[in-house]
Amino acid sequence: MPQASIDSSAARRGKDKLYPSADEALRGIVRDGQTLAVGGFGLCGIPEALILALRDSGVRDLTVISNNAGVDGFGLGQLLATRQIRKMISSYVGENKEFERQYLSGELELEFNPQGTLAERLRAGGAGIPAFFTRTGYGTIVANGKETREFDGQQYVLETALKTDVSLVKAWKADRSGNLVFRKTARNFNPAAAMAGALCVVEAEQVLEIGAIDPDQVHLPGIYVDRIVLNASPEKRIENRTTRPA
């Protein structure tokens, strides 16, 4: 399928949600103090261009919900370096030394979640489910201060849904109305993050005409998507590359 050309007026016409740049896609919708969900797992499936545009926007005091915080100098690590993030809601932070330094020094708030719990909290937010019970975390510090209840002889922890002001998502393909296709493991947290956002901005490697994606191949329908930006050549860094001797 041919990629869509970028038209500066495209995002203003009917169902066409394509914007000419990441900067313009975020203009007018990101502000200080917001809560954002950002898709990705490590550096796999992160919206690279949108994260960079968010950094360049200068917004501060952000609460960011993401599986992790990228690495030093790339992904969400760029926002940590500029001190734009006030709080992270994450499940893993072990690849980022600046994250560790800010957290241990009290400069950064952190809310840890088991990985499956984080995914379900985002999904619940998008599905209109205010809270749910899970066995995960019962009897640990994860359950501190939370309601617990017994069902069928097992103890459960009440977890609340996560909803965000803005979601930043990475897709492989999008059509101009926002129907999305993700590529393999790069799907990860992206659909749940998209669903949880009051506004969702998608960065796609291919943008196709409406109708070019077979409806049976759509992973996330365009009803969840508000704005799209094309990034045909993302860097796609690898967190840790391990090779054996030649």
C-alpha atoms as a PDB file:
ATOM      1  CA  MET A   1       0.000   0.000   0.000  1.00  0.00           C
ATOM      2  CA  PRO A   2       1.341   3.516  -0.740  1.00  0.00           C
ATOM      3  CA  GLN A   3       2.055   5.746   2.216  1.00  0.00           C
ATOM      4  CA  ALA A   4      -0.116   8.807   2.577  1.00  0.00           C
ATOM      5  CA  SER A   5       1.356  12.145   1.689  1.00  0.00           C
ATOM      6  CA  ILE A   6       1.343  14.765   4.437  1.00  0.00           C
ATOM      7  CA  ASP A   7      -0.963  17.711   3.896  1.00  0.00           C
ATOM      8  CA  SER A   8      -0.929  20.634   6.347  1.00  0.00           C
ATOM      9  CA  SER A   9      -4.726  20.875   6.190  1.00  0.00           C
ATOM     10  CA  ALA A  10      -5.336  17.115   6.289  1.00  0.00           C
ATOM     11  CA  ALA A  11      -6.121  16.908   9.998  1.00  0.00           C
ATOM     12  CA  ARG A  12      -8.884  19.502   9.684  1.00  0.00           C
ATOM     13  CA  ARG A  13     -11.001  17.681   7.106  1.00  0.00           C
ATOM     14  CA  GLY A  14     -13.733  15.276   8.126  1.00  0.00           C
ATOM     15  CA  LYS A  15     -12.437  11.998   9.529  1.00  0.00           C
ATOM     16  CA  ASP A  16      -8.875  12.694   8.391  1.00  0.00           C
ATOM     17  CA  LYS A  17      -6.714  12.799  11.528  1.00  0.00           C
ATOM     18  CA  LEU A  18      -3.257  13.152   9.952  1.00  0.00           C
ATOM     19  CA  TYR A  19      -1.005  15.999  11.141  1.00  0.00           C
ATOM     20  CA  PRO A  20       2.150  17.164   9.341  1.00  0.00           C
ATOM     21  CA  SER A  21       4.547  16.814  12.300  1.00  0.00           C
ATOM     22  CA  ALA A  22       4.788  15.510  15.841  1.00  0.00           C
ATOM     23  CA  ASP A  23       5.131  19.072  17.139  1.00  0.00           C
ATOM     24  CA  GLU A  24       1.888  20.126  15.481  1.00  0.00           C
ATOM     25  CA  ALA A  25       0.089  16.967  16.608  1.00  0.00           C
ATOM     26  CA  LEU A  26       0.811  17.882  20.245  1.00  0.00           C
ATOM     27  CA  ARG A  27       0.157  21.594  19.872  1.00  0.00           C
ATOM     28  CA  GLY A  28      -2.716  22.812  22.000  1.00  0.00           C
ATOM     29  CA  ILE A  29      -3.304  19.544  23.850  1.00  0.00           C
ATOM     30  CA  VAL A  30      -0.293  19.115  26.163  1.00  0.00           C
ATOM     31  CA  ARG A  31      -0.001  21.301  29.253  1.00  0.00           C
ATOM     32  CA  ASP A  32       1.856  21.441  32.552  1.00  0.00           C
ATOM     33  CA  GLY A  33       0.641  19.034  35.220  1.00  0.00           C
ATOM     34  CA  GLN A  34      -1.076  16.553  32.923  1.00  0.00           C
ATOM     35  CA  THR A  35      -1.157  12.764  33.203  1.00  0.00           C
ATOM     36  CA  LEU A  36       0.034  10.928  30.103  1.00  0.00           C
ATOM     37  CA  ALA A  37       0.131   7.271  29.102  1.00  0.00           C
ATOM     38  CA  VAL A  38       3.003   6.339  26.796  1.00  0.00           C
ATOM     39  CA  GLY A  39       3.078   3.036  24.925  1.00  0.00           C
ATOM     40  CA  GLY A  40       6.077   0.760  24.628  1.00  0.00           C
ATOM     41  CA  PHE A  41       7.982  -1.942  26.451  1.00  0.00           C
ATOM     42  CA  GLY A  42      11.589  -1.004  27.060  1.00  0.00           C
ATOM     43  CA  LEU A  43      12.459   0.674  23.773  1.00  0.00           C
ATOM     44  CA  CYS A  44      10.190  -1.619  21.737  1.00  0.00           C
ATOM     45  CA  GLY A  45       7.153   0.143  20.327  1.00  0.00           C
ATOM     46  CA  ILE A  46       7.800   3.568  21.832  1.00  0.00           C
ATOM     47  CA  PRO A  47       6.535   6.694  20.016  1.00  0.00           C
ATOM     48  CA  GLU A  48       9.998   8.177  19.465  1.00  0.00           C
ATOM     49  CA  ALA A  49       8.980  11.311  17.552  1.00  0.00           C
ATOM     50  CA  LEU A  50       6.128  12.154  19.909  1.00  0.00           C
ATOM     51  CA  ILE A  51       8.366  11.795  22.994  1.00  0.00           C
ATOM     52  CA  LEU A  52      10.901  14.142  21.404  1.00  0.00           C
ATOM     53  CA  ALA A  53       8.139  16.623  20.546  1.00  0.00           C
ATOM     54  CA  LEU A  54       6.856  16.413  24.115  1.00  0.00           C
ATOM     55  CA  ARG A  55      10.334  17.234  25.379  1.00  0.00           C
ATOM     56  CA  ASP A  56      10.616  20.181  23.001  1.00  0.00           C
ATOM     57  CA  SER A  57       7.189  21.489  24.064  1.00  0.00           C
ATOM     58  CA  GLY A  58       8.655  22.332  27.480  1.00  0.00           C
ATOM     59  CA  VAL A  59       5.638  21.140  29.482  1.00  0.00           C
ATOM     60  CA  ARG A  60       6.517  20.187  33.057  1.00  0.00           C
ATOM     61  CA  ASP A  61       5.242  18.496  36.232  1.00  0.00           C
ATOM     62  CA  LEU A  62       3.985  15.535  34.232  1.00  0.00           C
ATOM     63  CA  THR A  63       2.737  12.238  35.590  1.00  0.00           C
ATOM     64  CA  VAL A  64       3.695   9.574  33.058  1.00  0.00           C
ATOM     65  CA  ILE A  65       2.243   6.075  32.968  1.00  0.00           C
ATOM     66  CA  SER A  66       4.491   3.673  31.080  1.00  0.00           C
ATOM     67  CA  ASN A  67       5.879   0.202  31.591  1.00  0.00           C
ATOM     68  CA  ASN A  68       9.298   1.740  32.124  1.00  0.00           C
ATOM     69  CA  ALA A  69      11.154   5.006  31.563  1.00  0.00           C
ATOM     70  CA  GLY A  70      13.310   4.270  28.544  1.00  0.00           C
ATOM     71  CA  VAL A  71      17.073   4.497  28.942  1.00  0.00           C
ATOM     72  CA  ASP A  72      19.419   7.362  29.679  1.00  0.00           C
ATOM     73  CA  GLY A  73      19.192   9.820  26.807  1.00  0.00           C
ATOM     74  CA  PHE A  74      16.517   8.029  24.774  1.00  0.00           C
ATOM     75  CA  GLY A  75      12.782   7.481  24.996  1.00  0.00           C
ATOM     76  CA  LEU A  76      11.289   8.796  28.215  1.00  0.00           C
ATOM     77  CA  GLY A  77      14.842   9.120  29.535  1.00  0.00           C
ATOM     78  CA  GLN A  78      14.972  12.376  27.569  1.00  0.00           C
ATOM     79  CA  LEU A  79      12.154  13.815  29.694  1.00  0.00           C
ATOM     80  CA  LEU A  80      13.868  12.716  32.891  1.00  0.00           C
ATOM     81  CA  ALA A  81      17.035  14.502  31.795  1.00  0.00           C
ATOM     82  CA  THR A  82      15.101  17.761  31.383  1.00  0.00           C
ATOM     83  CA  ARG A  83      13.186  17.229  34.678  1.00  0.00           C
ATOM     84  CA  GLN A  84       9.805  17.408  32.957  1.00  0.00           C
ATOM     85  CA  ILE A  85       8.433  14.322  34.726  1.00  0.00           C
ATOM     86  CA  ARG A  86       7.263  14.715  38.329  1.00  0.00           C
ATOM     87  CA  LYS A  87       5.891  11.200  38.815  1.00  0.00           C
ATOM     88  CA  MET A  88       6.191   7.833  37.069  1.00  0.00           C
ATOM     89  CA  ILE A  89       3.641   5.024  37.294  1.00  0.00           C
ATOM     90  CA  SER A  90       5.616   2.025  36.062  1.00  0.00           C
ATOM     91  CA  SER A  91       6.425  -1.635  36.514  1.00  0.00           C
ATOM     92  CA  TYR A  92      10.164  -1.639  35.690  1.00  0.00           C
ATOM     93  CA  VAL A  93      12.836   1.042  35.898  1.00  0.00           C
ATOM     94  CA  GLY A  94      16.105  -0.902  35.931  1.00  0.00           C
ATOM     95  CA  GLU A  95      17.635   0.427  32.696  1.00  0.00           C
ATOM     96  CA  ASN A  96      17.792   4.095  33.608  1.00  0.00           C
ATOM     97  CA  LYS A  97      20.479   5.441  35.950  1.00  0.00           C
ATOM     98  CA  GLU A  98      19.052   8.969  35.946  1.00  0.00           C
ATOM     99  CA  PHE A  99      15.691   7.547  36.994  1.00  0.00           C
ATOM    100  CA  GLU A 100      17.411   5.747  39.848  1.00  0.00           C
ATOM    101  CA  ARG A 101      19.285   8.881  40.897  1.00  0.00           C
ATOM    102  CA  GLN A 102      16.198  11.109  40.872  1.00  0.00           C
ATOM    103  CA  TYR A 103      14.087   8.567  42.747  1.00  0.00           C
ATOM    104  CA  LEU A 104      16.669   7.889  45.467  1.00  0.00           C
ATOM    105  CA  SER A 105      17.271  11.610  45.951  1.00  0.00           C
ATOM    106  CA  GLY A 106      13.545  12.326  46.315  1.00  0.00           C
ATOM    107  CA  GLU A 107      13.292  14.365  43.111  1.00  0.00           C
ATOM    108  CA  LEU A 108      10.944  11.912  41.387  1.00  0.00           C
ATOM    109  CA  GLU A 109       7.780  10.233  42.666  1.00  0.00           C
ATOM    110  CA  LEU A 110       7.281   6.589  41.766  1.00  0.00           C
ATOM    111  CA  GLU A 111       4.258   4.314  41.917  1.00  0.00           C
ATOM    112  CA  PHE A 112       5.236   0.711  41.249  1.00  0.00           C
ATOM    113  CA  ASN A 113       2.740  -1.714  39.714  1.00  0.00           C
ATOM    114  CA  PRO A 114       3.055  -5.376  38.839  1.00  0.00           C
ATOM    115  CA  GLN A 115       3.234  -5.476  35.060  1.00  0.00           C
ATOM    116  CA  GLY A 116      -0.066  -7.271  34.498  1.00  0.00           C
ATOM    117  CA  THR A 117      -1.791  -5.000  36.996  1.00  0.00           C
ATOM    118  CA  LEU A 118      -0.518  -1.926  35.142  1.00  0.00           C
ATOM    119  CA  ALA A 119      -1.808  -3.263  31.829  1.00  0.00           C
ATOM    120  CA  GLU A 120      -5.214  -4.085  33.319  1.00  0.00           C
ATOM    121  CA  ARG A 121      -5.503  -0.704  35.056  1.00  0.00           C
ATOM    122  CA  LEU A 122      -5.016   1.018  31.691  1.00  0.00           C
ATOM    123  CA  ARG A 123      -7.410  -1.341  29.927  1.00  0.00           C
ATOM    124  CA  ALA A 124     -10.010  -0.820  32.647  1.00  0.00           C
ATOM    125  CA  GLY A 125      -9.681   2.945  32.259  1.00  0.00           C
ATOM    126  CA  GLY A 126     -10.456   2.674  28.568  1.00  0.00           C
ATOM    127  CA  ALA A 127     -13.310   0.224  29.106  1.00  0.00           C
ATOM    128  CA  GLY A 128     -15.077   2.347  31.721  1.00  0.00           C
ATOM    129  CA  ILE A 129     -14.389  -0.077  34.580  1.00  0.00           C
ATOM    130  CA  PRO A 130     -13.557   1.992  37.682  1.00  0.00           C
ATOM    131  CA  ALA A 131     -11.742  -0.721  39.645  1.00  0.00           C
ATOM    132  CA  PHE A 132     -11.116  -4.472  39.835  1.00  0.00           C
ATOM    133  CA  PHE A 133      -9.857  -7.090  42.278  1.00  0.00           C
ATOM    134  CA  THR A 134      -6.667  -9.073  41.647  1.00  0.00           C
ATOM    135  CA  ARG A 135      -4.666 -11.580  43.662  1.00  0.00           C
ATOM    136  CA  THR A 136      -1.411 -10.051  42.414  1.00  0.00           C
ATOM    137  CA  GLY A 137       0.423  -8.140  45.124  1.00  0.00           C
ATOM    138  CA  TYR A 138      -1.610  -9.323  48.094  1.00  0.00           C
ATOM    139  CA  GLY A 139       0.553  -9.533  51.194  1.00  0.00           C
ATOM    140  CA  THR A 140       3.267  -7.274  49.737  1.00  0.00           C
ATOM    141  CA  ILE A 141       3.959  -3.540  49.828  1.00  0.00           C
ATOM    142  CA  VAL A 142       1.971  -3.278  46.587  1.00  0.00           C
ATOM    143  CA  ALA A 143      -1.191  -3.773  48.669  1.00  0.00           C
ATOM    144  CA  ASN A 144      -0.341  -1.172  51.335  1.00  0.00           C
ATOM    145  CA  GLY A 145      -3.263   1.189  51.881  1.00  0.00           C
ATOM    146  CA  LYS A 146      -5.548  -0.656  49.451  1.00  0.00           C
ATOM    147  CA  GLU A 147      -8.805  -2.451  50.120  1.00  0.00           C
ATOM    148  CA  THR A 148      -8.574  -6.244  50.232  1.00  0.00           C
ATOM    149  CA  ARG A 149     -11.355  -8.797  50.078  1.00  0.00           C
ATOM    150  CA  GLU A 150     -11.803 -12.539  50.141  1.00  0.00           C
ATOM    151  CA  PHE A 151     -13.394 -14.419  47.236  1.00  0.00           C
ATOM    152  CA  ASP A 152     -13.701 -18.216  47.244  1.00  0.00           C
ATOM    153  CA  GLY A 153     -11.131 -18.518  49.983  1.00  0.00           C
ATOM    154  CA  GLN A 154      -8.533 -16.338  48.244  1.00  0.00           C
ATOM    155  CA  GLN A 155      -7.451 -12.802  49.157  1.00  0.00           C
ATOM    156  CA  TYR A 156      -7.634 -10.062  46.539  1.00  0.00           C
ATOM    157  CA  VAL A 157      -6.436  -6.455  46.261  1.00  0.00           C
ATOM    158  CA  LEU A 158      -8.610  -3.665  44.860  1.00  0.00           C
ATOM    159  CA  GLU A 159      -6.856  -1.760  42.056  1.00  0.00           C
ATOM    160  CA  THR A 160      -8.291   1.379  40.478  1.00  0.00           C
ATOM    161  CA  ALA A 161      -8.419   2.130  36.761  1.00  0.00           C
ATOM    162  CA  LEU A 162      -5.992   4.538  35.115  1.00  0.00           C
ATOM    163  CA  LYS A 163      -7.293   7.305  32.851  1.00  0.00           C
ATOM    164  CA  THR A 164      -5.096   9.958  31.276  1.00  0.00           C
ATOM    165  CA  ASP A 165      -5.362  13.399  29.740  1.00  0.00           C
ATOM    166  CA  VAL A 166      -3.293  12.388  26.709  1.00  0.00           C
ATOM    167  CA  SER A 167      -1.951   9.089  25.385  1.00  0.00           C
ATOM    168  CA  LEU A 168       1.071   8.784  23.073  1.00  0.00           C
ATOM    169  CA  VAL A 169       1.067   5.578  21.055  1.00  0.00           C
ATOM    170  CA  LYS A 170       3.215   3.864  18.422  1.00  0.00           C
ATOM    171  CA  ALA A 171       1.617   1.857  15.578  1.00  0.00           C
ATOM    172  CA  TRP A 172       2.998   0.134  12.505  1.00  0.00           C
ATOM    173  CA  LYS A 173       0.149   1.132  10.193  1.00  0.00           C
ATOM    174  CA  ALA A 174      -2.661   3.642  10.521  1.00  0.00           C
ATOM    175  CA  ASP A 175      -5.248   4.814   8.068  1.00  0.00           C
ATOM    176  CA  ARG A 176      -6.248   8.456   8.015  1.00  0.00           C
ATOM    177  CA  SER A 177      -9.264   7.820  10.249  1.00  0.00           C
ATOM    178  CA  GLY A 178      -7.087   6.231  12.958  1.00  0.00           C
ATOM    179  CA  ASN A 179      -7.612   2.491  12.542  1.00  0.00           C
ATOM    180  CA  LEU A 180      -4.373   0.892  13.752  1.00  0.00           C
ATOM    181  CA  VAL A 181      -2.248  -2.176  13.097  1.00  0.00           C
ATOM    182  CA  PHE A 182       0.637  -2.970  15.461  1.00  0.00           C
ATOM    183  CA  ARG A 183       3.689  -5.022  14.521  1.00  0.00           C
ATOM    184  CA  LYS A 184       4.337  -8.132  16.610  1.00  0.00           C
ATOM    185  CA  THR A 185       5.734  -7.433  20.102  1.00  0.00           C
ATOM    186  CA  ALA A 186       5.642  -3.676  19.453  1.00  0.00           C
ATOM    187  CA  ARG A 187       1.926  -3.942  20.227  1.00  0.00           C
ATOM    188  CA  ASN A 188       2.706  -4.431  23.970  1.00  0.00           C
ATOM    189  CA  PHE A 189       1.153  -1.613  26.072  1.00  0.00           C
ATOM    190  CA  ASN A 190       0.104   0.524  23.100  1.00  0.00           C
ATOM    191  CA  PRO A 191      -3.576  -0.516  22.722  1.00  0.00           C
ATOM    192  CA  ALA A 192      -4.247  -0.214  26.457  1.00  0.00           C
ATOM    193  CA  ALA A 193      -2.490   3.163  26.605  1.00  0.00           C
ATOM    194  CA  ALA A 194      -4.521   4.406  23.643  1.00  0.00           C
ATOM    195  CA  MET A 195      -7.815   3.359  25.212  1.00  0.00           C
ATOM    196  CA  ALA A 196      -7.040   5.077  28.523  1.00  0.00           C
ATOM    197  CA  GLY A 197      -6.494   8.539  27.057  1.00  0.00           C
ATOM    198  CA  ALA A 198      -9.070  11.298  26.825  1.00  0.00           C
ATOM    199  CA  LEU A 199      -7.029  12.298  23.760  1.00  0.00           C
ATOM    200  CA  CYS A 200      -4.841   9.845  21.851  1.00  0.00           C
ATOM    201  CA  VAL A 201      -2.007  10.813  19.493  1.00  0.00           C
ATOM    202  CA  VAL A 202      -0.535   8.047  17.335  1.00  0.00           C
ATOM    203  CA  GLU A 203       2.846   7.869  15.631  1.00  0.00           C
ATOM    204  CA  ALA A 204       2.775   5.424  12.706  1.00  0.00           C
ATOM    205  CA  GLU A 205       5.398   4.084  10.327  1.00  0.00           C
ATOM    206  CA  GLN A 206       2.859   3.929   7.511  1.00  0.00           C
ATOM    207  CA  VAL A 207      -0.237   6.079   6.998  1.00  0.00           C
ATOM    208  CA  LEU A 208      -2.697   4.658   4.490  1.00  0.00           C
ATOM    209  CA  GLU A 209      -5.857   5.885   2.848  1.00  0.00           C
ATOM    210  CA  ILE A 210      -9.174   5.145   4.537  1.00  0.00           C
ATOM    211  CA  GLY A 211     -10.298   1.673   3.523  1.00  0.00           C
ATOM    212  CA  ALA A 212      -6.786   0.388   2.768  1.00  0.00           C
ATOM    213  CA  ILE A 213      -6.676  -1.744   5.933  1.00  0.00           C
ATOM    214  CA  ASP A 214      -8.826  -4.879   5.928  1.00  0.00           C
ATOM    215  CA  PRO A 215     -11.295  -4.472   8.823  1.00  0.00           C
ATOM    216  CA  ASP A 216     -10.393  -7.974  10.036  1.00  0.00           C
ATOM    217  CA  GLN A 217      -6.757  -6.843  10.392  1.00  0.00           C
ATOM    218  CA  VAL A 218      -7.474  -3.776  12.562  1.00  0.00           C
ATOM    219  CA  HIS A 219      -6.011  -4.179  16.059  1.00  0.00           C
ATOM    220  CA  LEU A 220      -7.456  -0.947  17.469  1.00  0.00           C
ATOM    221  CA  PRO A 221     -10.344   0.980  15.878  1.00  0.00           C
ATOM    222  CA  GLY A 222     -10.068   4.648  15.041  1.00  0.00           C
ATOM    223  CA  ILE A 223     -12.678   5.657  17.617  1.00  0.00           C
ATOM    224  CA  TYR A 224      -9.834   5.684  20.163  1.00  0.00           C
ATOM    225  CA  VAL A 225      -7.531   7.866  18.027  1.00  0.00           C
ATOM    226  CA  ASP A 226      -7.639  11.662  17.704  1.00  0.00           C
ATOM    227  CA  ARG A 227      -4.442  12.615  15.892  1.00  0.00           C
ATOM    228  CA  ILE A 228      -1.869  10.803  13.742  1.00  0.00           C
ATOM    229  CA  VAL A 229       1.672  11.673  12.691  1.00  0.00           C
ATOM    230  CA  LEU A 230       3.877   9.817  10.207  1.00  0.00           C
ATOM    231  CA  ASN A 231       7.347   8.667  11.293  1.00  0.00           C
ATOM    232  CA  ALA A 232       8.472   6.400   8.469  1.00  0.00           C
ATOM    233  CA  SER A 233      12.022   5.857   9.762  1.00  0.00           C
ATOM    234  CA  PRO A 234      12.154   5.514  13.568  1.00  0.00           C
ATOM    235  CA  GLU A 235      15.528   4.756  15.106  1.00  0.00           C
ATOM    236  CA  LYS A 236      14.376   1.650  17.019  1.00  0.00           C
ATOM    237  CA  ARG A 237      17.291   1.365  19.417  1.00  0.00           C
ATOM    238  CA  ILE A 238      18.047  -1.830  21.322  1.00  0.00           C
ATOM    239  CA  GLU A 239      18.355  -1.560  25.113  1.00  0.00           C
ATOM    240  CA  ASN A 240      21.020  -4.230  25.566  1.00  0.00           C
ATOM    241  CA  ARG A 241      22.703  -6.027  22.713  1.00  0.00           C
ATOM    242  CA  THR A 242      24.497  -9.218  23.678  1.00  0.00           C
ATOM    243  CA  THR A 243      26.560 -11.165  21.176  1.00  0.00           C
ATOM    244  CA  ARG A 244      28.790 -14.200  21.445  1.00  0.00           C
ATOM    245  CA  PRO A 245      32.459 -14.102  20.362  1.00  0.00           C
ATOM    246  CA  ALA A 246      33.041 -14.629  16.662  1.00  0.00           C
END
